[in-house]
């Protein structure tokens, strides 16, 4: 029989593991589920990714997330970076916007994501705002995209041929 202290410690450890397994985030990629926010469909969660490339995968999206993409080091060159995102061909359930100081500019509608075209914008233009589209049935909805921070080049949208989406 466990002492009350050990039983409490075990319970806390199990709850922490469950919480971590529902939302995973390293500095490069993020995977989460809207099912854990079902009662809070209007919540907006902040996600911070600090790598030159990675993947975001949001299962059963509800509410919204703001994805802050930044290089892992600060330098003068960082201000001249572009962010390029490429949705998975299976991506659905959200609209993707560019958020600059609360003003949203539509980047991709829900139905456009299946084309898996690369969209680029300057890193100084803001964060990526991903808003769930209201559906009666959220099953089988996953929003997923790859991102990459690249030197600010004219015609950055030509990057679409160099990426192949891979699931993690």
N, C-alpha and C. Protein backbone atom coordinates (compact mmCIF):
# COMPACT_ATOMS: atom_id res chain seq x y z
N UNK A 1 0.85 -1.18 0.00
CA UNK A 1 0.00 0.00 0.00
C UNK A 1 0.89 1.24 0.00
N UNK A 2 0.55 2.20 -0.84
CA UNK A 2 1.32 3.43 -0.95
C UNK A 2 0.97 4.40 0.17
N UNK A 3 1.98 5.14 0.59
CA UNK A 3 1.72 6.19 1.58
C UNK A 3 0.92 7.30 0.90
N UNK A 4 0.18 8.11 1.66
CA UNK A 4 -0.60 9.20 1.05
C UNK A 4 0.27 10.14 0.22
N UNK A 5 1.49 10.40 0.66
CA UNK A 5 2.40 11.28 -0.07
C UNK A 5 2.76 10.68 -1.44
N UNK A 6 3.13 9.40 -1.45
CA UNK A 6 3.49 8.75 -2.71
C UNK A 6 2.29 8.62 -3.65
N UNK A 7 1.13 8.35 -3.09
CA UNK A 7 -0.09 8.26 -3.90
C UNK A 7 -0.39 9.61 -4.55
N UNK A 8 -0.23 10.70 -3.80
CA UNK A 8 -0.44 12.04 -4.36
C UNK A 8 0.58 12.36 -5.42
N UNK A 9 1.83 12.01 -5.17
CA UNK A 9 2.90 12.25 -6.14
C UNK A 9 2.65 11.48 -7.43
N UNK A 10 2.22 10.24 -7.31
CA UNK A 10 1.92 9.42 -8.48
C UNK A 10 0.77 10.03 -9.28
N UNK A 11 -0.27 10.48 -8.60
CA UNK A 11 -1.41 11.10 -9.27
C UNK A 11 -0.99 12.35 -10.03
N UNK A 12 -0.20 13.20 -9.41
CA UNK A 12 0.27 14.43 -10.06
C UNK A 12 1.12 14.09 -11.27
N UNK A 13 1.99 13.09 -11.15
CA UNK A 13 2.84 12.69 -12.27
C UNK A 13 2.00 12.20 -13.44
N UNK A 14 1.00 11.39 -13.18
CA UNK A 14 0.13 10.88 -14.24
C UNK A 14 -0.63 12.02 -14.90
N UNK A 15 -1.18 12.95 -14.12
CA UNK A 15 -1.91 14.08 -14.69
C UNK A 15 -1.00 14.95 -15.55
N UNK A 16 0.23 15.15 -15.13
CA UNK A 16 1.18 15.94 -15.93
C UNK A 16 1.48 15.24 -17.25
N UNK A 17 1.66 13.93 -17.21
CA UNK A 17 1.93 13.19 -18.45
C UNK A 17 0.74 13.27 -19.41
N UNK A 18 -0.47 13.21 -18.89
CA UNK A 18 -1.67 13.32 -19.72
C UNK A 18 -1.72 14.70 -20.35
N UNK A 19 -1.48 15.74 -19.58
CA UNK A 19 -1.51 17.11 -20.11
C UNK A 19 -0.46 17.30 -21.18
N UNK A 20 0.74 16.78 -20.97
CA UNK A 20 1.81 16.92 -21.96
C UNK A 20 1.48 16.14 -23.21
N UNK A 21 0.85 14.98 -23.09
CA UNK A 21 0.55 14.19 -24.27
C UNK A 21 -0.55 14.83 -25.12
N UNK A 22 -1.42 15.65 -24.53
CA UNK A 22 -2.48 16.29 -25.30
C UNK A 22 -1.93 17.43 -26.15
N UNK A 23 -0.96 18.14 -25.67
CA UNK A 23 -0.34 19.23 -26.41
C UNK A 23 1.15 19.04 -26.36
N UNK A 24 1.76 18.91 -27.52
CA UNK A 24 3.21 18.79 -27.53
C UNK A 24 3.77 20.00 -28.24
N UNK A 25 4.84 20.51 -27.72
CA UNK A 25 5.49 21.63 -28.36
C UNK A 25 6.97 21.58 -28.04
N UNK A 26 7.76 21.52 -29.09
CA UNK A 26 9.17 21.76 -28.89
C UNK A 26 9.40 23.16 -29.46
N UNK A 27 10.59 23.52 -29.73
CA UNK A 27 10.83 24.85 -30.26
C UNK A 27 10.58 24.92 -31.76
N UNK A 28 10.40 23.77 -32.42
CA UNK A 28 10.27 23.74 -33.89
C UNK A 28 8.87 23.35 -34.37
N UNK A 29 8.21 22.46 -33.68
CA UNK A 29 6.93 21.94 -34.14
C UNK A 29 5.93 21.95 -33.00
N UNK A 30 4.64 21.92 -33.36
CA UNK A 30 3.58 21.92 -32.37
C UNK A 30 2.48 20.99 -32.85
N UNK A 31 1.96 20.23 -31.93
CA UNK A 31 0.82 19.37 -32.20
C UNK A 31 -0.15 19.52 -31.05
N UNK A 32 -1.40 19.80 -31.37
CA UNK A 32 -2.41 19.98 -30.34
C UNK A 32 -3.75 19.47 -30.80
N UNK A 33 -4.72 19.51 -29.90
CA UNK A 33 -6.06 19.03 -30.19
C UNK A 33 -7.09 20.00 -29.66
N UNK A 34 -8.06 20.31 -30.50
CA UNK A 34 -9.17 21.14 -30.07
C UNK A 34 -10.10 20.44 -29.11
N UNK A 35 -9.99 19.14 -28.99
CA UNK A 35 -10.87 18.40 -28.09
C UNK A 35 -10.64 18.78 -26.63
N UNK A 36 -9.43 19.18 -26.31
CA UNK A 36 -9.16 19.59 -24.93
C UNK A 36 -9.73 20.97 -24.63
N UNK A 37 -10.16 21.70 -25.68
CA UNK A 37 -10.73 23.04 -25.51
C UNK A 37 -12.20 23.07 -25.89
N UNK A 38 -12.82 21.92 -26.01
CA UNK A 38 -14.19 21.84 -26.51
C UNK A 38 -15.14 22.77 -25.76
N UNK A 39 -15.02 22.87 -24.47
CA UNK A 39 -15.88 23.75 -23.69
C UNK A 39 -15.51 25.21 -23.83
N UNK A 40 -14.37 25.49 -24.44
CA UNK A 40 -13.88 26.85 -24.58
C UNK A 40 -13.63 27.16 -26.06
N UNK A 41 -14.64 26.97 -26.89
CA UNK A 41 -14.49 27.09 -28.34
C UNK A 41 -14.06 28.49 -28.77
N UNK A 42 -14.17 29.47 -27.90
CA UNK A 42 -13.78 30.83 -28.27
C UNK A 42 -12.37 31.18 -27.77
N UNK A 43 -11.70 30.25 -27.15
CA UNK A 43 -10.34 30.50 -26.65
C UNK A 43 -9.37 30.70 -27.80
N UNK A 44 -8.37 31.55 -27.55
CA UNK A 44 -7.27 31.74 -28.49
C UNK A 44 -6.00 31.37 -27.74
N UNK A 45 -5.30 30.38 -28.26
CA UNK A 45 -4.07 29.91 -27.63
C UNK A 45 -2.87 30.48 -28.37
N UNK A 46 -1.84 30.86 -27.64
CA UNK A 46 -0.59 31.35 -28.23
C UNK A 46 0.38 30.18 -28.38
N UNK A 47 0.98 30.07 -29.55
CA UNK A 47 1.99 29.05 -29.82
C UNK A 47 3.25 29.78 -30.27
N UNK A 48 4.40 29.42 -29.69
CA UNK A 48 5.67 30.06 -30.02
C UNK A 48 6.62 29.01 -30.60
N UNK A 49 7.03 29.23 -31.84
CA UNK A 49 7.96 28.32 -32.50
C UNK A 49 9.20 29.12 -32.88
N UNK A 50 10.37 28.59 -32.50
CA UNK A 50 11.63 29.32 -32.68
C UNK A 50 12.67 28.51 -33.44
N UNK A 51 12.32 28.08 -34.62
CA UNK A 51 13.25 27.34 -35.48
C UNK A 51 13.14 27.87 -36.89
N UNK A 52 14.08 27.48 -37.71
CA UNK A 52 14.02 27.92 -39.10
C UNK A 52 13.01 27.11 -39.91
N UNK A 53 12.59 25.96 -39.39
CA UNK A 53 11.56 25.17 -40.06
C UNK A 53 10.91 24.21 -39.08
N UNK A 54 9.69 23.81 -39.41
CA UNK A 54 8.97 22.88 -38.54
C UNK A 54 7.58 22.59 -39.09
N UNK A 55 6.76 21.98 -38.25
CA UNK A 55 5.41 21.56 -38.64
C UNK A 55 4.44 21.92 -37.53
N UNK A 56 3.26 22.35 -37.92
CA UNK A 56 2.16 22.56 -36.98
C UNK A 56 1.05 21.60 -37.39
N UNK A 57 0.48 20.91 -36.40
CA UNK A 57 -0.61 19.96 -36.64
C UNK A 57 -1.64 20.15 -35.54
N UNK A 58 -2.85 20.57 -35.94
CA UNK A 58 -3.93 20.85 -34.99
C UNK A 58 -5.08 19.92 -35.30
N UNK A 59 -5.30 18.96 -34.42
CA UNK A 59 -6.36 17.97 -34.60
C UNK A 59 -7.68 18.52 -34.08
N UNK A 60 -8.75 18.27 -34.79
CA UNK A 60 -10.10 18.68 -34.39
C UNK A 60 -10.12 20.14 -33.94
N UNK A 61 -9.75 21.07 -34.82
CA UNK A 61 -9.61 22.47 -34.41
C UNK A 61 -10.91 23.09 -33.90
N UNK A 62 -10.81 23.80 -32.79
CA UNK A 62 -11.89 24.62 -32.24
C UNK A 62 -11.25 25.90 -31.72
N UNK A 63 -11.98 27.00 -31.77
CA UNK A 63 -11.42 28.27 -31.32
C UNK A 63 -10.38 28.77 -32.29
N UNK A 64 -9.24 29.22 -31.77
CA UNK A 64 -8.19 29.75 -32.63
C UNK A 64 -6.84 29.63 -31.94
N UNK A 65 -5.80 29.65 -32.74
CA UNK A 65 -4.43 29.71 -32.21
C UNK A 65 -3.68 30.82 -32.95
N UNK A 66 -2.79 31.46 -32.24
CA UNK A 66 -1.89 32.43 -32.84
C UNK A 66 -0.51 31.79 -32.82
N UNK A 67 0.08 31.66 -34.01
CA UNK A 67 1.38 31.01 -34.13
C UNK A 67 2.44 32.08 -34.37
N UNK A 68 3.31 32.24 -33.39
CA UNK A 68 4.39 33.22 -33.46
C UNK A 68 5.65 32.51 -33.94
N UNK A 69 6.07 32.81 -35.15
CA UNK A 69 7.24 32.18 -35.75
C UNK A 69 8.41 33.15 -35.70
N UNK A 70 9.49 32.73 -35.08
CA UNK A 70 10.68 33.57 -34.95
C UNK A 70 11.92 32.70 -35.08
N UNK A 71 13.03 33.29 -35.55
CA UNK A 71 14.29 32.53 -35.57
C UNK A 71 14.76 32.30 -34.15
N UNK A 72 15.63 31.31 -33.96
CA UNK A 72 16.09 31.00 -32.60
C UNK A 72 17.16 31.96 -32.10
N UNK A 73 17.63 32.86 -32.95
CA UNK A 73 18.57 33.89 -32.51
C UNK A 73 18.10 35.24 -33.05
N UNK A 74 18.34 36.28 -32.30
CA UNK A 74 17.99 37.62 -32.74
C UNK A 74 19.19 38.25 -33.44
N UNK A 75 18.97 38.82 -34.60
CA UNK A 75 20.02 39.51 -35.33
C UNK A 75 19.37 40.51 -36.27
N UNK A 76 20.17 41.38 -36.84
CA UNK A 76 19.65 42.35 -37.80
C UNK A 76 19.08 41.64 -39.03
N UNK A 77 19.68 40.51 -39.39
CA UNK A 77 19.21 39.75 -40.56
C UNK A 77 17.83 39.14 -40.33
N UNK A 78 17.45 38.92 -39.07
CA UNK A 78 16.15 38.31 -38.76
C UNK A 78 15.00 39.17 -39.26
N UNK A 79 15.17 40.47 -39.28
CA UNK A 79 14.11 41.36 -39.75
C UNK A 79 13.89 41.23 -41.26
N UNK A 80 14.84 40.65 -41.96
CA UNK A 80 14.72 40.50 -43.42
C UNK A 80 14.35 39.08 -43.83
N UNK A 81 13.78 38.32 -42.92
CA UNK A 81 13.35 36.96 -43.24
C UNK A 81 11.91 36.95 -43.75
N UNK A 82 11.62 35.94 -44.55
CA UNK A 82 10.24 35.67 -44.94
C UNK A 82 9.81 34.37 -44.28
N UNK A 83 8.53 34.26 -43.99
CA UNK A 83 7.93 33.04 -43.48
C UNK A 83 7.17 32.42 -44.64
N UNK A 84 7.43 31.16 -44.91
CA UNK A 84 6.69 30.44 -45.94
C UNK A 84 5.97 29.28 -45.27
N UNK A 85 4.69 29.15 -45.57
CA UNK A 85 3.90 28.03 -45.04
C UNK A 85 3.34 27.23 -46.21
N UNK A 86 3.32 25.93 -46.02
CA UNK A 86 2.75 25.03 -47.02
C UNK A 86 1.78 24.09 -46.31
N UNK A 87 0.47 24.23 -46.57
CA UNK A 87 -0.49 23.34 -45.94
C UNK A 87 -0.38 21.92 -46.47
N UNK A 88 -0.74 20.98 -45.64
CA UNK A 88 -0.85 19.59 -46.05
C UNK A 88 -2.04 19.47 -47.01
N UNK A 89 -1.97 18.60 -48.00
CA UNK A 89 -3.13 18.39 -48.89
C UNK A 89 -4.38 17.92 -48.14
N UNK A 90 -4.21 17.32 -46.97
CA UNK A 90 -5.34 16.85 -46.16
C UNK A 90 -5.83 17.89 -45.17
N UNK A 91 -5.20 19.06 -45.14
CA UNK A 91 -5.53 20.09 -44.16
C UNK A 91 -6.93 20.64 -44.39
N UNK A 92 -7.72 20.74 -43.31
CA UNK A 92 -9.06 21.32 -43.41
C UNK A 92 -9.54 21.70 -42.01
N UNK A 93 -10.58 22.51 -41.99
CA UNK A 93 -11.22 22.87 -40.73
C UNK A 93 -10.88 24.25 -40.21
N UNK A 94 -10.04 25.00 -40.93
CA UNK A 94 -9.67 26.34 -40.45
C UNK A 94 -9.48 27.31 -41.62
N UNK A 95 -9.52 28.58 -41.29
CA UNK A 95 -9.05 29.64 -42.18
C UNK A 95 -7.76 30.15 -41.56
N UNK A 96 -6.79 30.51 -42.41
CA UNK A 96 -5.49 30.97 -41.92
C UNK A 96 -5.32 32.43 -42.32
N UNK A 97 -4.98 33.25 -41.33
CA UNK A 97 -4.83 34.69 -41.52
C UNK A 97 -3.42 35.12 -41.12
N UNK A 98 -3.07 36.31 -41.52
CA UNK A 98 -1.89 36.99 -41.03
C UNK A 98 -2.40 38.02 -40.03
N UNK A 99 -1.89 38.00 -38.81
CA UNK A 99 -2.34 38.88 -37.74
C UNK A 99 -1.26 39.90 -37.41
N UNK A 100 -1.54 41.15 -37.69
CA UNK A 100 -0.62 42.21 -37.32
C UNK A 100 -1.36 43.19 -36.43
N UNK A 101 -0.99 43.20 -35.16
CA UNK A 101 -1.58 44.10 -34.17
C UNK A 101 -3.11 44.01 -34.17
N UNK A 102 -3.63 42.79 -34.25
CA UNK A 102 -5.07 42.59 -34.17
C UNK A 102 -5.82 42.76 -35.48
N UNK A 103 -5.14 43.17 -36.54
CA UNK A 103 -5.77 43.29 -37.86
C UNK A 103 -5.46 42.03 -38.65
N UNK A 104 -6.52 41.37 -39.12
CA UNK A 104 -6.36 40.10 -39.83
C UNK A 104 -6.43 40.29 -41.34
N UNK A 105 -5.52 39.59 -42.03
CA UNK A 105 -5.52 39.54 -43.49
C UNK A 105 -5.58 38.07 -43.88
N UNK A 106 -6.60 37.69 -44.64
CA UNK A 106 -6.80 36.29 -45.01
C UNK A 106 -5.68 35.80 -45.92
N UNK A 107 -5.05 34.69 -45.53
CA UNK A 107 -4.03 34.03 -46.36
C UNK A 107 -4.62 32.84 -47.09
N UNK A 108 -5.35 31.98 -46.36
CA UNK A 108 -5.90 30.75 -46.93
C UNK A 108 -7.27 30.44 -46.35
N UNK A 109 -8.22 30.24 -47.23
CA UNK A 109 -9.54 29.76 -46.80
C UNK A 109 -9.46 28.25 -46.58
N UNK A 110 -10.37 27.74 -45.82
CA UNK A 110 -10.45 26.31 -45.52
C UNK A 110 -10.33 25.47 -46.79
N UNK A 111 -11.13 25.78 -47.79
CA UNK A 111 -11.17 24.96 -49.01
C UNK A 111 -9.92 25.12 -49.88
N UNK A 112 -9.12 26.15 -49.68
CA UNK A 112 -7.91 26.36 -50.48
C UNK A 112 -6.71 25.56 -49.98
N UNK A 113 -6.75 25.09 -48.76
CA UNK A 113 -5.60 24.42 -48.16
C UNK A 113 -5.24 23.12 -48.86
N UNK A 114 -6.23 22.43 -49.43
CA UNK A 114 -5.98 21.15 -50.09
C UNK A 114 -5.07 21.30 -51.31
N UNK A 115 -4.96 22.50 -51.84
CA UNK A 115 -4.06 22.72 -52.99
C UNK A 115 -2.59 22.66 -52.59
N UNK A 116 -2.32 22.80 -51.31
CA UNK A 116 -0.97 22.69 -50.75
C UNK A 116 0.03 23.64 -51.41
N UNK A 117 -0.41 24.84 -51.72
CA UNK A 117 0.49 25.84 -52.29
C UNK A 117 1.22 26.60 -51.19
N UNK A 118 2.46 26.94 -51.47
CA UNK A 118 3.27 27.69 -50.52
C UNK A 118 2.85 29.16 -50.54
N UNK A 119 2.72 29.74 -49.34
CA UNK A 119 2.40 31.16 -49.18
C UNK A 119 3.49 31.78 -48.31
N UNK A 120 4.06 32.88 -48.78
CA UNK A 120 5.16 33.54 -48.06
C UNK A 120 4.79 34.98 -47.72
N UNK A 121 5.36 35.46 -46.63
CA UNK A 121 5.16 36.84 -46.22
C UNK A 121 6.35 37.23 -45.34
N UNK A 122 6.60 38.52 -45.24
CA UNK A 122 7.70 39.01 -44.41
C UNK A 122 7.46 38.73 -42.94
N UNK A 123 8.50 38.36 -42.23
CA UNK A 123 8.36 38.03 -40.80
C UNK A 123 7.83 39.22 -40.00
N UNK A 124 8.10 40.43 -40.45
CA UNK A 124 7.64 41.63 -39.75
C UNK A 124 6.15 41.91 -39.98
N UNK A 125 5.54 41.16 -40.90
CA UNK A 125 4.12 41.38 -41.20
C UNK A 125 3.18 40.83 -40.13
N UNK A 126 3.68 40.01 -39.22
CA UNK A 126 2.84 39.55 -38.13
C UNK A 126 2.90 38.05 -37.89
N UNK A 127 1.98 37.59 -37.05
CA UNK A 127 1.88 36.18 -36.67
C UNK A 127 0.84 35.49 -37.55
N UNK A 128 0.84 34.17 -37.51
CA UNK A 128 -0.16 33.37 -38.23
C UNK A 128 -1.32 33.13 -37.27
N UNK A 129 -2.52 33.53 -37.68
CA UNK A 129 -3.73 33.35 -36.88
C UNK A 129 -4.55 32.26 -37.56
N UNK A 130 -4.76 31.15 -36.85
CA UNK A 130 -5.49 30.01 -37.40
C UNK A 130 -6.81 29.90 -36.65
N UNK A 131 -7.91 30.09 -37.38
CA UNK A 131 -9.24 30.10 -36.77
C UNK A 131 -10.06 28.92 -37.27
N UNK A 132 -10.59 28.16 -36.34
CA UNK A 132 -11.43 27.02 -36.69
C UNK A 132 -12.72 27.50 -37.36
N UNK A 133 -13.11 26.79 -38.40
CA UNK A 133 -14.37 27.05 -39.09
C UNK A 133 -15.43 26.22 -38.39
N UNK A 134 -16.56 26.82 -38.09
CA UNK A 134 -17.62 26.10 -37.39
C UNK A 134 -18.20 25.01 -38.28
N UNK A 135 -18.20 23.79 -37.76
CA UNK A 135 -18.77 22.63 -38.45
C UNK A 135 -19.58 21.85 -37.43
N UNK A 136 -20.65 21.26 -37.88
CA UNK A 136 -21.43 20.40 -37.00
C UNK A 136 -20.61 19.19 -36.57
N UNK A 137 -19.86 18.65 -37.51
CA UNK A 137 -19.07 17.45 -37.25
C UNK A 137 -17.60 17.80 -37.45
N UNK A 138 -16.82 17.81 -36.36
CA UNK A 138 -15.40 18.16 -36.48
C UNK A 138 -14.53 16.93 -36.70
N UNK A 139 -15.15 15.75 -36.77
CA UNK A 139 -14.33 14.55 -36.96
C UNK A 139 -13.58 14.62 -38.28
N UNK A 140 -12.42 14.04 -38.30
CA UNK A 140 -11.56 13.98 -39.49
C UNK A 140 -11.02 15.34 -39.93
N UNK A 141 -11.11 16.34 -39.12
CA UNK A 141 -10.57 17.65 -39.47
C UNK A 141 -9.21 17.81 -38.80
N UNK A 142 -8.23 18.10 -39.61
CA UNK A 142 -6.88 18.33 -39.12
C UNK A 142 -6.31 19.49 -39.93
N UNK A 143 -5.82 20.48 -39.24
CA UNK A 143 -5.10 21.55 -39.91
C UNK A 143 -3.63 21.28 -39.71
N UNK A 144 -2.90 21.24 -40.81
CA UNK A 144 -1.47 20.96 -40.72
C UNK A 144 -0.73 21.74 -41.80
N UNK A 145 0.41 22.30 -41.40
CA UNK A 145 1.26 22.94 -42.39
C UNK A 145 2.71 22.89 -41.96
N UNK A 146 3.59 22.92 -42.96
CA UNK A 146 5.01 23.07 -42.74
C UNK A 146 5.30 24.55 -42.81
N UNK A 147 6.33 24.99 -42.10
CA UNK A 147 6.78 26.37 -42.24
C UNK A 147 8.28 26.38 -42.38
N UNK A 148 8.77 27.45 -42.99
CA UNK A 148 10.21 27.65 -43.11
C UNK A 148 10.49 29.14 -43.12
N UNK A 149 11.52 29.55 -42.39
CA UNK A 149 11.98 30.92 -42.42
C UNK A 149 13.10 30.98 -43.45
N UNK A 150 12.96 31.86 -44.43
CA UNK A 150 13.93 31.94 -45.53
C UNK A 150 14.37 33.39 -45.71
N UNK A 151 15.55 33.60 -46.31
CA UNK A 151 15.96 34.98 -46.60
C UNK A 151 14.91 35.65 -47.47
N UNK A 152 14.65 36.91 -47.21
CA UNK A 152 13.63 37.67 -47.93
C UNK A 152 14.04 37.85 -49.38
N UNK A 153 13.42 37.05 -50.26
CA UNK A 153 13.74 37.07 -51.67
C UNK A 153 12.51 37.44 -52.48
N UNK A 154 12.68 38.25 -53.52
CA UNK A 154 11.53 38.49 -54.40
C UNK A 154 11.09 37.17 -55.02
N UNK A 155 9.79 37.00 -55.17
CA UNK A 155 9.27 35.77 -55.78
C UNK A 155 9.39 34.56 -54.88
N UNK A 156 9.29 34.73 -53.56
CA UNK A 156 9.42 33.61 -52.63
C UNK A 156 8.36 32.55 -52.83
N UNK A 157 7.24 32.90 -53.47
CA UNK A 157 6.19 31.90 -53.70
C UNK A 157 6.64 30.79 -54.63
N UNK A 158 7.78 30.94 -55.28
CA UNK A 158 8.28 29.89 -56.17
C UNK A 158 8.85 28.70 -55.40
N UNK A 159 8.80 28.72 -54.09
CA UNK A 159 9.34 27.64 -53.27
C UNK A 159 8.47 26.39 -53.28
N UNK A 160 7.28 26.45 -53.85
CA UNK A 160 6.34 25.33 -53.74
C UNK A 160 6.88 24.02 -54.29
N UNK A 161 7.81 24.07 -55.24
CA UNK A 161 8.33 22.83 -55.80
C UNK A 161 9.34 22.14 -54.93
N UNK A 162 9.88 22.79 -53.91
CA UNK A 162 10.94 22.18 -53.13
C UNK A 162 10.47 21.47 -51.87
N UNK A 163 9.21 21.59 -51.50
CA UNK A 163 8.72 20.95 -50.27
C UNK A 163 7.80 19.79 -50.60
N UNK A 164 7.92 18.77 -49.80
CA UNK A 164 6.96 17.66 -49.82
C UNK A 164 6.48 17.51 -48.40
N UNK A 165 5.18 17.53 -48.22
CA UNK A 165 4.64 17.46 -46.86
C UNK A 165 4.81 16.06 -46.32
N UNK A 166 5.34 15.98 -45.11
CA UNK A 166 5.48 14.69 -44.43
C UNK A 166 4.85 14.79 -43.07
N UNK A 167 4.12 13.77 -42.69
CA UNK A 167 3.49 13.75 -41.35
C UNK A 167 4.51 13.30 -40.32
N UNK A 168 4.39 13.85 -39.11
CA UNK A 168 5.24 13.45 -37.98
C UNK A 168 4.47 12.55 -37.06
